[in-house]
Amino acid sequence: SLLANFGIEGVHYDMVDGEPIYKPEILESGRAVNSQ
């Protein structure tokens, strides 16, 4: 489920306090997250 929703841990997101958090390069790219 995490893979289907967020991509690959350590590449596209990190687990922070038990939550999957996108890396800054995903959230701050200026592009829609769903498109990425």
Full PDB file with SEQRES, HELIX, SHEET, SSBOND, CRYST1, ORIGX, SCALE, CONECT and MASTER records, all heavy atoms in Angstrom:
SEQRES   1 A   36  SER LEU LEU ALA ASN PHE GLY ILE GLU GLY VAL HIS TYR          
SEQRES   2 A   36  ASP MET VAL ASP GLY GLU PRO ILE TYR LYS PRO GLU ILE          
SEQRES   3 A   36  LEU GLU SER GLY ARG ALA VAL ASN SER GLN                      
HELIX    1 AA1 LEU A    2  PHE A    6  1                                   5    
HELIX    2 AA2 PRO A   24  LEU A   27  1                                   4    
SHEET    1 AA1 2 TYR A  13  VAL A  16  0                                        
SHEET    2 AA1 2 GLU A  19  TYR A  22 -1                                        
CRYST1    1.000    1.000    1.000  90.00  90.00  90.00 P 1           1          
ORIGX1      1.000000  0.000000  0.000000        0.00000                         
ORIGX2      0.000000  1.000000  0.000000        0.00000                         
ORIGX3      0.000000  0.000000  1.000000        0.00000                         
SCALE1      1.000000  0.000000  0.000000        0.00000                         
SCALE2      0.000000  1.000000  0.000000        0.00000                         
SCALE3      0.000000  0.000000  1.000000        0.00000                         
ATOM      1  N   SER A   1       0.817  -1.203   0.000  1.00  0.00           N  
ATOM      2  CA  SER A   1       0.000   0.000   0.000  1.00  0.00           C  
ATOM      3  C   SER A   1       0.856   1.259   0.000  1.00  0.00           C  
ATOM      4  O   SER A   1       0.587   2.215  -0.731  1.00  0.00           O  
ATOM      5  CB  SER A   1      -0.936   0.000   1.215  1.00  0.00           C  
ATOM      6  OG  SER A   1      -1.685   1.188   1.275  1.00  0.00           O  
ATOM      7  N   LEU A   2       1.900   1.265   0.805  1.00  0.00           N  
ATOM      8  CA  LEU A   2       2.806   2.415   0.817  1.00  0.00           C  
ATOM      9  C   LEU A   2       3.487   2.576  -0.542  1.00  0.00           C  
ATOM     10  O   LEU A   2       3.635   3.697  -1.047  1.00  0.00           O  
ATOM     11  CB  LEU A   2       3.851   2.251   1.918  1.00  0.00           C  
ATOM     12  CG  LEU A   2       3.345   2.428   3.350  1.00  0.00           C  
ATOM     13  CD1 LEU A   2       4.397   1.983   4.362  1.00  0.00           C  
ATOM     14  CD2 LEU A   2       2.941   3.883   3.605  1.00  0.00           C  
ATOM     15  N   LEU A   3       3.881   1.481  -1.147  1.00  0.00           N  
ATOM     16  CA  LEU A   3       4.526   1.524  -2.453  1.00  0.00           C  
ATOM     17  C   LEU A   3       3.569   2.073  -3.509  1.00  0.00           C  
ATOM     18  O   LEU A   3       3.930   2.930  -4.323  1.00  0.00           O  
ATOM     19  CB  LEU A   3       5.000   0.125  -2.843  1.00  0.00           C  
ATOM     20  CG  LEU A   3       5.762  -0.026  -4.170  1.00  0.00           C  
ATOM     21  CD1 LEU A   3       7.064   0.759  -4.141  1.00  0.00           C  
ATOM     22  CD2 LEU A   3       6.030  -1.511  -4.440  1.00  0.00           C  
ATOM     23  N   ALA A   4       2.324   1.606  -3.488  1.00  0.00           N  
ATOM     24  CA  ALA A   4       1.326   2.046  -4.480  1.00  0.00           C  
ATOM     25  C   ALA A   4       0.976   3.514  -4.318  1.00  0.00           C  
ATOM     26  O   ALA A   4       0.640   4.184  -5.295  1.00  0.00           O  
ATOM     27  CB  ALA A   4       0.062   1.198  -4.357  1.00  0.00           C  
ATOM     28  N   ASN A   5       1.052   4.011  -3.094  1.00  0.00           N  
ATOM     29  CA  ASN A   5       0.616   5.381  -2.836  1.00  0.00           C  
ATOM     30  C   ASN A   5       1.734   6.406  -2.883  1.00  0.00           C  
ATOM     31  O   ASN A   5       1.536   7.516  -3.385  1.00  0.00           O  
ATOM     32  CB  ASN A   5      -0.051   5.449  -1.460  1.00  0.00           C  
ATOM     33  CG  ASN A   5      -1.479   4.953  -1.472  1.00  0.00           C  
ATOM     34  OD1 ASN A   5      -2.374   5.669  -1.885  1.00  0.00           O  
ATOM     35  ND2 ASN A   5      -1.695   3.714  -1.033  1.00  0.00           N  
ATOM     36  N   PHE A   6       2.919   6.038  -2.369  1.00  0.00           N  
ATOM     37  CA  PHE A   6       3.964   7.036  -2.165  1.00  0.00           C  
ATOM     38  C   PHE A   6       5.248   6.785  -2.944  1.00  0.00           C  
ATOM     39  O   PHE A   6       6.136   7.621  -2.930  1.00  0.00           O  
ATOM     40  CB  PHE A   6       4.318   7.110  -0.667  1.00  0.00           C  
ATOM     41  CG  PHE A   6       3.154   7.463   0.206  1.00  0.00           C  
ATOM     42  CD1 PHE A   6       2.439   6.480   0.873  1.00  0.00           C  
ATOM     43  CD2 PHE A   6       2.747   8.776   0.354  1.00  0.00           C  
ATOM     44  CE1 PHE A   6       1.353   6.794   1.670  1.00  0.00           C  
ATOM     45  CE2 PHE A   6       1.666   9.107   1.147  1.00  0.00           C  
ATOM     46  CZ  PHE A   6       0.959   8.112   1.810  1.00  0.00           C  
ATOM     47  N   GLY A   7       5.356   5.653  -3.602  1.00  0.00           N  
ATOM     48  CA  GLY A   7       6.601   5.338  -4.280  1.00  0.00           C  
ATOM     49  C   GLY A   7       7.532   4.548  -3.391  1.00  0.00           C  
ATOM     50  O   GLY A   7       7.094   3.755  -2.551  1.00  0.00           O  
ATOM     51  N   ILE A   8       8.812   4.773  -3.541  1.00  0.00           N  
ATOM     52  CA  ILE A   8       9.829   3.963  -2.871  1.00  0.00           C  
ATOM     53  C   ILE A   8      10.396   4.711  -1.668  1.00  0.00           C  
ATOM     54  O   ILE A   8      10.832   5.864  -1.790  1.00  0.00           O  
ATOM     55  CB  ILE A   8      10.956   3.601  -3.855  1.00  0.00           C  
ATOM     56  CG1 ILE A   8      10.371   2.804  -5.032  1.00  0.00           C  
ATOM     57  CG2 ILE A   8      12.055   2.807  -3.156  1.00  0.00           C  
ATOM     58  CD1 ILE A   8      11.334   2.607  -6.169  1.00  0.00           C  
ATOM     59  N   GLU A   9      10.374   4.037  -0.517  1.00  0.00           N  
ATOM     60  CA  GLU A   9      10.904   4.655   0.691  1.00  0.00           C  
ATOM     61  C   GLU A   9      12.384   4.961   0.513  1.00  0.00           C  
ATOM     62  O   GLU A   9      13.161   4.159  -0.012  1.00  0.00           O  
ATOM     63  CB  GLU A   9      10.710   3.731   1.902  1.00  0.00           C  
ATOM     64  CG  GLU A   9      11.165   4.350   3.217  1.00  0.00           C  
ATOM     65  CD  GLU A   9      10.916   3.473   4.429  1.00  0.00           C  
ATOM     66  OE1 GLU A   9      10.381   2.349   4.250  1.00  0.00           O  
ATOM     67  OE2 GLU A   9      11.260   3.908   5.552  1.00  0.00           O  
ATOM     68  N   GLY A  10      12.789   6.144   0.945  1.00  0.00           N  
ATOM     69  CA  GLY A  10      14.172   6.570   0.814  1.00  0.00           C  
ATOM     70  C   GLY A  10      14.470   7.250  -0.505  1.00  0.00           C  
ATOM     71  O   GLY A  10      15.484   7.938  -0.627  1.00  0.00           O  
ATOM     72  N   VAL A  11      13.597   7.048  -1.490  1.00  0.00           N  
ATOM     73  CA  VAL A  11      13.776   7.687  -2.795  1.00  0.00           C  
ATOM     74  C   VAL A  11      12.731   8.789  -2.995  1.00  0.00           C  
ATOM     75  O   VAL A  11      13.061   9.927  -3.325  1.00  0.00           O  
ATOM     76  CB  VAL A  11      13.679   6.658  -3.936  1.00  0.00           C  
ATOM     77  CG1 VAL A  11      13.809   7.346  -5.295  1.00  0.00           C  
ATOM     78  CG2 VAL A  11      14.733   5.575  -3.771  1.00  0.00           C  
ATOM     79  N   HIS A  12      11.478   8.439  -2.764  1.00  0.00           N  
ATOM     80  CA  HIS A  12      10.389   9.391  -2.967  1.00  0.00           C  
ATOM     81  C   HIS A  12       9.791   9.880  -1.653  1.00  0.00           C  
ATOM     82  O   HIS A  12       9.193  10.959  -1.621  1.00  0.00           O  
ATOM     83  CB  HIS A  12       9.294   8.752  -3.815  1.00  0.00           C  
ATOM     84  CG  HIS A  12       9.812   8.202  -5.112  1.00  0.00           C  
ATOM     85  ND1 HIS A  12       9.889   6.854  -5.367  1.00  0.00           N  
ATOM     86  CD2 HIS A  12      10.306   8.827  -6.208  1.00  0.00           C  
ATOM     87  CE1 HIS A  12      10.401   6.669  -6.576  1.00  0.00           C  
ATOM     88  NE2 HIS A  12      10.662   7.834  -7.100  1.00  0.00           N  
ATOM     89  N   TYR A  13       9.916   9.109  -0.599  1.00  0.00           N  
ATOM     90  CA  TYR A  13       9.384   9.510   0.700  1.00  0.00           C  
ATOM     91  C   TYR A  13      10.236   8.891   1.798  1.00  0.00           C  
ATOM     92  O   TYR A  13      11.014   7.950   1.574  1.00  0.00           O  
ATOM     93  CB  TYR A  13       7.923   9.074   0.855  1.00  0.00           C  
ATOM     94  CG  TYR A  13       7.734   7.594   1.130  1.00  0.00           C  
ATOM     95  CD1 TYR A  13       7.610   7.110   2.446  1.00  0.00           C  
ATOM     96  CD2 TYR A  13       7.697   6.663   0.104  1.00  0.00           C  
ATOM     97  CE1 TYR A  13       7.444   5.757   2.704  1.00  0.00           C  
ATOM     98  CE2 TYR A  13       7.535   5.310   0.356  1.00  0.00           C  
ATOM     99  CZ  TYR A  13       7.404   4.859   1.647  1.00  0.00           C  
ATOM    100  OH  TYR A  13       7.256   3.519   1.903  1.00  0.00           O  
ATOM    101  N   ASP A  14      10.083   9.416   3.011  1.00  0.00           N  
ATOM    102  CA  ASP A  14      10.712   8.862   4.207  1.00  0.00           C  
ATOM    103  C   ASP A  14       9.637   8.630   5.264  1.00  0.00           C  
ATOM    104  O   ASP A  14       8.618   9.332   5.292  1.00  0.00           O  
ATOM    105  CB  ASP A  14      11.762   9.824   4.767  1.00  0.00           C  
ATOM    106  CG  ASP A  14      12.938  10.027   3.826  1.00  0.00           C  
ATOM    107  OD1 ASP A  14      13.538   9.025   3.392  1.00  0.00           O  
ATOM    108  OD2 ASP A  14      13.243  11.201   3.509  1.00  0.00           O  
ATOM    109  N   MET A  15       9.863   7.656   6.118  1.00  0.00           N  
ATOM    110  CA  MET A  15       8.976   7.458   7.262  1.00  0.00           C  
ATOM    111  C   MET A  15       9.463   8.346   8.403  1.00  0.00           C  
ATOM    112  O   MET A  15      10.604   8.226   8.854  1.00  0.00           O  
ATOM    113  CB  MET A  15       8.968   5.996   7.695  1.00  0.00           C  
ATOM    114  CG  MET A  15       8.358   5.044   6.677  1.00  0.00           C  
ATOM    115  SD  MET A  15       6.621   5.397   6.259  1.00  0.00           S  
ATOM    116  CE  MET A  15       5.806   5.010   7.810  1.00  0.00           C  
ATOM    117  N   VAL A  16       8.583   9.256   8.840  1.00  0.00           N  
ATOM    118  CA  VAL A  16       8.927  10.201   9.894  1.00  0.00           C  
ATOM    119  C   VAL A  16       7.880  10.059  11.000  1.00  0.00           C  
ATOM    120  O   VAL A  16       6.701  10.342  10.785  1.00  0.00           O  
ATOM    121  CB  VAL A  16       8.940  11.650   9.370  1.00  0.00           C  
ATOM    122  CG1 VAL A  16       9.287  12.617  10.499  1.00  0.00           C  
ATOM    123  CG2 VAL A  16       9.917  11.789   8.200  1.00  0.00           C  
ATOM    124  N   ASP A  17       8.316   9.595  12.165  1.00  0.00           N  
ATOM    125  CA  ASP A  17       7.386   9.370  13.278  1.00  0.00           C  
ATOM    126  C   ASP A  17       6.205   8.508  12.854  1.00  0.00           C  
ATOM    127  O   ASP A  17       5.053   8.760  13.219  1.00  0.00           O  
ATOM    128  CB  ASP A  17       6.880  10.701  13.836  1.00  0.00           C  
ATOM    129  CG  ASP A  17       7.987  11.544  14.444  1.00  0.00           C  
ATOM    130  OD1 ASP A  17       8.986  10.958  14.915  1.00  0.00           O  
ATOM    131  OD2 ASP A  17       7.863  12.784  14.427  1.00  0.00           O  
ATOM    132  N   GLY A  18       6.493   7.489  12.050  1.00  0.00           N  
ATOM    133  CA  GLY A  18       5.462   6.557  11.625  1.00  0.00           C  
ATOM    134  C   GLY A  18       4.601   7.035  10.475  1.00  0.00           C  
ATOM    135  O   GLY A  18       3.651   6.341  10.091  1.00  0.00           O  
ATOM    136  N   GLU A  19       4.914   8.202   9.892  1.00  0.00           N  
ATOM    137  CA  GLU A  19       4.131   8.738   8.786  1.00  0.00           C  
ATOM    138  C   GLU A  19       4.976   8.781   7.513  1.00  0.00           C  
ATOM    139  O   GLU A  19       6.142   9.177   7.557  1.00  0.00           O  
ATOM    140  CB  GLU A  19       3.646  10.162   9.100  1.00  0.00           C  
ATOM    141  CG  GLU A  19       2.786  10.279  10.337  1.00  0.00           C  
ATOM    142  CD  GLU A  19       1.379   9.757  10.113  1.00  0.00           C  
ATOM    143  OE1 GLU A  19       1.050   9.436   8.961  1.00  0.00           O  
ATOM    144  OE2 GLU A  19       0.623   9.654  11.101  1.00  0.00           O  
ATOM    145  N   PRO A  20       4.405   8.409   6.360  1.00  0.00           N  
ATOM    146  CA  PRO A  20       5.135   8.537   5.095  1.00  0.00           C  
ATOM    147  C   PRO A  20       5.115   9.990   4.628  1.00  0.00           C  
ATOM    148  O   PRO A  20       4.056  10.555   4.350  1.00  0.00           O  
ATOM    149  CB  PRO A  20       4.334   7.635   4.148  1.00  0.00           C  
ATOM    150  CG  PRO A  20       2.947   7.626   4.705  1.00  0.00           C  
ATOM    151  CD  PRO A  20       3.074   7.800   6.196  1.00  0.00           C  
ATOM    152  N   ILE A  21       6.278  10.613   4.561  1.00  0.00           N  
ATOM    153  CA  ILE A  21       6.390  12.024   4.216  1.00  0.00           C  
ATOM    154  C   ILE A  21       7.215  12.163   2.936  1.00  0.00           C  
ATOM    155  O   ILE A  21       8.359  11.698   2.864  1.00  0.00           O  
ATOM    156  CB  ILE A  21       7.068  12.824   5.352  1.00  0.00           C  
ATOM    157  CG1 ILE A  21       6.308  12.615   6.669  1.00  0.00           C  
ATOM    158  CG2 ILE A  21       7.151  14.297   4.984  1.00  0.00           C  
ATOM    159  CD1 ILE A  21       4.884  13.074   6.647  1.00  0.00           C  
ATOM    160  N   TYR A  22       6.621  12.790   1.932  1.00  0.00           N  
ATOM    161  CA  TYR A  22       7.339  12.993   0.683  1.00  0.00           C  
ATOM    162  C   TYR A  22       8.601  13.804   0.904  1.00  0.00           C  
ATOM    163  O   TYR A  22       8.646  14.715   1.735  1.00  0.00           O  
ATOM    164  CB  TYR A  22       6.456  13.727  -0.329  1.00  0.00           C  
ATOM    165  CG  TYR A  22       5.424  12.866  -0.994  1.00  0.00           C  
ATOM    166  CD1 TYR A  22       4.075  13.181  -0.892  1.00  0.00           C  
ATOM    167  CD2 TYR A  22       5.787  11.740  -1.737  1.00  0.00           C  
ATOM    168  CE1 TYR A  22       3.112  12.394  -1.513  1.00  0.00           C  
ATOM    169  CE2 TYR A  22       4.842  10.954  -2.345  1.00  0.00           C  
ATOM    170  CZ  TYR A  22       3.505  11.272  -2.234  1.00  0.00           C  
ATOM    171  OH  TYR A  22       2.571  10.499  -2.847  1.00  0.00           O  
ATOM    172  N   LYS A  23       9.601  13.492   0.129  1.00  0.00           N  
ATOM    173  CA  LYS A  23      10.845  14.245   0.183  1.00  0.00           C  
ATOM    174  C   LYS A  23      10.620  15.654  -0.365  1.00  0.00           C  
ATOM    175  O   LYS A  23       9.726  15.884  -1.183  1.00  0.00           O  
ATOM    176  CB  LYS A  23      11.926  13.530  -0.613  1.00  0.00           C  
ATOM    177  CG  LYS A  23      12.471  12.290   0.085  1.00  0.00           C  
ATOM    178  CD  LYS A  23      13.586  11.650  -0.689  1.00  0.00           C  
ATOM    179  CE  LYS A  23      14.258  10.542   0.118  1.00  0.00           C  
ATOM    180  NZ  LYS A  23      15.021  11.073   1.270  1.00  0.00           N  
ATOM    181  N   PRO A  24      11.424  16.627   0.066  1.00  0.00           N  
ATOM    182  CA  PRO A  24      11.249  18.001  -0.403  1.00  0.00           C  
ATOM    183  C   PRO A  24      11.283  18.132  -1.926  1.00  0.00           C  
ATOM    184  O   PRO A  24      10.567  18.960  -2.486  1.00  0.00           O  
ATOM    185  CB  PRO A  24      12.423  18.743   0.253  1.00  0.00           C  
ATOM    186  CG  PRO A  24      12.715  17.950   1.482  1.00  0.00           C  
ATOM    187  CD  PRO A  24      12.464  16.521   1.099  1.00  0.00           C  
ATOM    188  N   GLU A  25      12.106  17.313  -2.571  1.00  0.00           N  
ATOM    189  CA  GLU A  25      12.189  17.434  -4.029  1.00  0.00           C  
ATOM    190  C   GLU A  25      10.898  17.025  -4.723  1.00  0.00           C  
ATOM    191  O   GLU A  25      10.665  17.387  -5.882  1.00  0.00           O  
ATOM    192  CB  GLU A  25      13.355  16.601  -4.581  1.00  0.00           C  
ATOM    193  CG  GLU A  25      13.437  15.185  -4.093  1.00  0.00           C  
ATOM    194  CD  GLU A  25      14.375  15.028  -2.896  1.00  0.00           C  
ATOM    195  OE1 GLU A  25      14.362  15.917  -2.013  1.00  0.00           O  
ATOM    196  OE2 GLU A  25      15.117  14.032  -2.861  1.00  0.00           O  
ATOM    197  N   ILE A  26      10.040  16.277  -4.031  1.00  0.00           N  
ATOM    198  CA  ILE A  26       8.716  15.951  -4.569  1.00  0.00           C  
ATOM    199  C   ILE A  26       7.733  17.082  -4.266  1.00  0.00           C  
ATOM    200  O   ILE A  26       7.037  17.589  -5.153  1.00  0.00           O  
ATOM    201  CB  ILE A  26       8.180  14.640  -3.967  1.00  0.00           C  
ATOM    202  CG1 ILE A  26       9.079  13.448  -4.347  1.00  0.00           C  
ATOM    203  CG2 ILE A  26       6.739  14.392  -4.404  1.00  0.00           C  
ATOM    204  CD1 ILE A  26       9.023  13.064  -5.801  1.00  0.00           C  
ATOM    205  N   LEU A  27       7.685  17.504  -2.997  1.00  0.00           N  
ATOM    206  CA  LEU A  27       6.713  18.509  -2.579  1.00  0.00           C  
ATOM    207  C   LEU A  27       7.040  19.902  -3.107  1.00  0.00           C  
ATOM    208  O   LEU A  27       6.135  20.724  -3.298  1.00  0.00           O  
ATOM    209  CB  LEU A  27       6.628  18.555  -1.055  1.00  0.00           C  
ATOM    210  CG  LEU A  27       5.995  17.350  -0.361  1.00  0.00           C  
ATOM    211  CD1 LEU A  27       6.102  17.488   1.152  1.00  0.00           C  
ATOM    212  CD2 LEU A  27       4.538  17.190  -0.772  1.00  0.00           C  
ATOM    213  N   GLU A  28       8.323  20.187  -3.337  1.00  0.00           N  
ATOM    214  CA  GLU A  28       8.725  21.545  -3.693  1.00  0.00           C  
ATOM    215  C   GLU A  28       9.200  21.664  -5.139  1.00  0.00           C  
ATOM    216  O   GLU A  28       9.863  22.634  -5.501  1.00  0.00           O  
ATOM    217  CB  GLU A  28       9.838  22.000  -2.740  1.00  0.00           C  
ATOM    218  CG  GLU A  28       9.408  21.998  -1.278  1.00  0.00           C  
ATOM    219  CD  GLU A  28      10.560  22.195  -0.301  1.00  0.00           C  
ATOM    220  OE1 GLU A  28      11.679  22.508  -0.794  1.00  0.00           O  
ATOM    221  OE2 GLU A  28      10.345  22.031   0.911  1.00  0.00           O  
ATOM    222  N   SER A  29       8.809  20.713  -5.959  1.00  0.00           N  
ATOM    223  CA  SER A  29       9.282  20.711  -7.345  1.00  0.00           C  
ATOM    224  C   SER A  29       8.557  21.717  -8.229  1.00  0.00           C  
ATOM    225  O   SER A  29       9.011  22.027  -9.333  1.00  0.00           O  
ATOM    226  CB  SER A  29       9.106  19.313  -7.952  1.00  0.00           C  
ATOM    227  OG  SER A  29       7.725  19.019  -8.127  1.00  0.00           O  
ATOM    228  N   GLY A  30       7.405  22.202  -7.758  1.00  0.00           N  
ATOM    229  CA  GLY A  30       6.591  23.071  -8.596  1.00  0.00           C  
ATOM    230  C   GLY A  30       5.673  22.311  -9.530  1.00  0.00           C  
ATOM    231  O   GLY A  30       4.930  22.912 -10.308  1.00  0.00           O  
ATOM    232  N   ARG A  31       5.699  20.982  -9.455  1.00  0.00           N  
ATOM    233  CA  ARG A  31       4.847  20.133 -10.276  1.00  0.00           C  
ATOM    234  C   ARG A  31       3.831  19.420  -9.392  1.00  0.00           C  
ATOM    235  O   ARG A  31       4.090  19.172  -8.207  1.00  0.00           O  
ATOM    236  CB  ARG A  31       5.683  19.100 -11.045  1.00  0.00           C  
ATOM    237  CG  ARG A  31       6.687  19.707 -12.004  1.00  0.00           C  
ATOM    238  CD  ARG A  31       7.455  18.618 -12.717  1.00  0.00           C  
ATOM    239  NE  ARG A  31       6.532  17.769 -13.463  1.00  0.00           N  
ATOM    240  CZ  ARG A  31       6.584  16.431 -13.449  1.00  0.00           C  
ATOM    241  NH1 ARG A  31       7.475  15.799 -12.723  1.00  0.00           N  
ATOM    242  NH2 ARG A  31       5.719  15.743 -14.152  1.00  0.00           N  
ATOM    243  N   ALA A  32       2.698  19.090  -9.968  1.00  0.00           N  
ATOM    244  CA  ALA A  32       1.669  18.395  -9.207  1.00  0.00           C  
ATOM    245  C   ALA A  32       2.213  17.067  -8.690  1.00  0.00           C  
ATOM    246  O   ALA A  32       2.837  16.302  -9.444  1.00  0.00           O  
ATOM    247  CB  ALA A  32       0.444  18.158 -10.080  1.00  0.00           C  
ATOM    248  N   VAL A  33       1.961  16.786  -7.423  1.00  0.00           N  
ATOM    249  CA  VAL A  33       2.467  15.552  -6.822  1.00  0.00           C  
ATOM    250  C   VAL A  33       1.859  14.333  -7.503  1.00  0.00           C  
ATOM    251  O   VAL A  33       2.562  13.344  -7.761  1.00  0.00           O  
ATOM    252  CB  VAL A  33       2.179  15.522  -5.310  1.00  0.00           C  
ATOM    253  CG1 VAL A  33       2.519  14.160  -4.714  1.00  0.00           C  
ATOM    254  CG2 VAL A  33       2.967  16.615  -4.599  1.00  0.00           C  
ATOM    255  N   ASN A  34       0.568  14.394  -7.832  1.00  0.00           N  
ATOM    256  CA  ASN A  34      -0.036  13.218  -8.466  1.00  0.00           C  
ATOM    257  C   ASN A  34       0.603  12.934  -9.818  1.00  0.00           C  
ATOM    258  O   ASN A  34       0.797  11.766 -10.182  1.00  0.00           O  
ATOM    259  CB  ASN A  34      -1.554  13.375  -8.575  1.00  0.00           C  
ATOM    260  CG  ASN A  34      -1.989  14.632  -9.285  1.00  0.00           C  
ATOM    261  OD1 ASN A  34      -1.183  15.504  -9.595  1.00  0.00           O  
ATOM    262  ND2 ASN A  34      -3.279  14.742  -9.547  1.00  0.00           N  
ATOM    263  N   SER A  35       0.957  13.959 -10.578  1.00  0.00           N  
ATOM    264  CA  SER A  35       1.626  13.732 -11.862  1.00  0.00           C  
ATOM    265  C   SER A  35       2.980  13.067 -11.665  1.00  0.00           C  
ATOM    266  O   SER A  35       3.365  12.181 -12.436  1.00  0.00           O  
ATOM    267  CB  SER A  35       1.800  15.062 -12.603  1.00  0.00           C  
ATOM    268  OG  SER A  35       0.558  15.622 -12.950  1.00  0.00           O  
ATOM    269  N   GLN A  36       3.692  13.466 -10.632  1.00  0.00           N  
ATOM    270  CA  GLN A  36       4.976  12.842 -10.342  1.00  0.00           C  
ATOM    271  C   GLN A  36       4.800  11.384  -9.952  1.00  0.00           C  
ATOM    272  O   GLN A  36       5.621  10.528 -10.317  1.00  0.00           O  
ATOM    273  CB  GLN A  36       5.684  13.604  -9.230  1.00  0.00           C  
ATOM    274  CG  GLN A  36       6.065  15.024  -9.597  1.00  0.00           C  
ATOM    275  CD  GLN A  36       6.743  15.731  -8.442  1.00  0.00           C  
ATOM    276  OE1 GLN A  36       7.898  15.434  -8.103  1.00  0.00           O  
ATOM    277  NE2 GLN A  36       6.026  16.656  -7.814  1.00  0.00           N  
TER     278      GLN A  36                                                      
MASTER        0    0    0    2    2    0    0    6  277    1    0    3          
END                                                                             
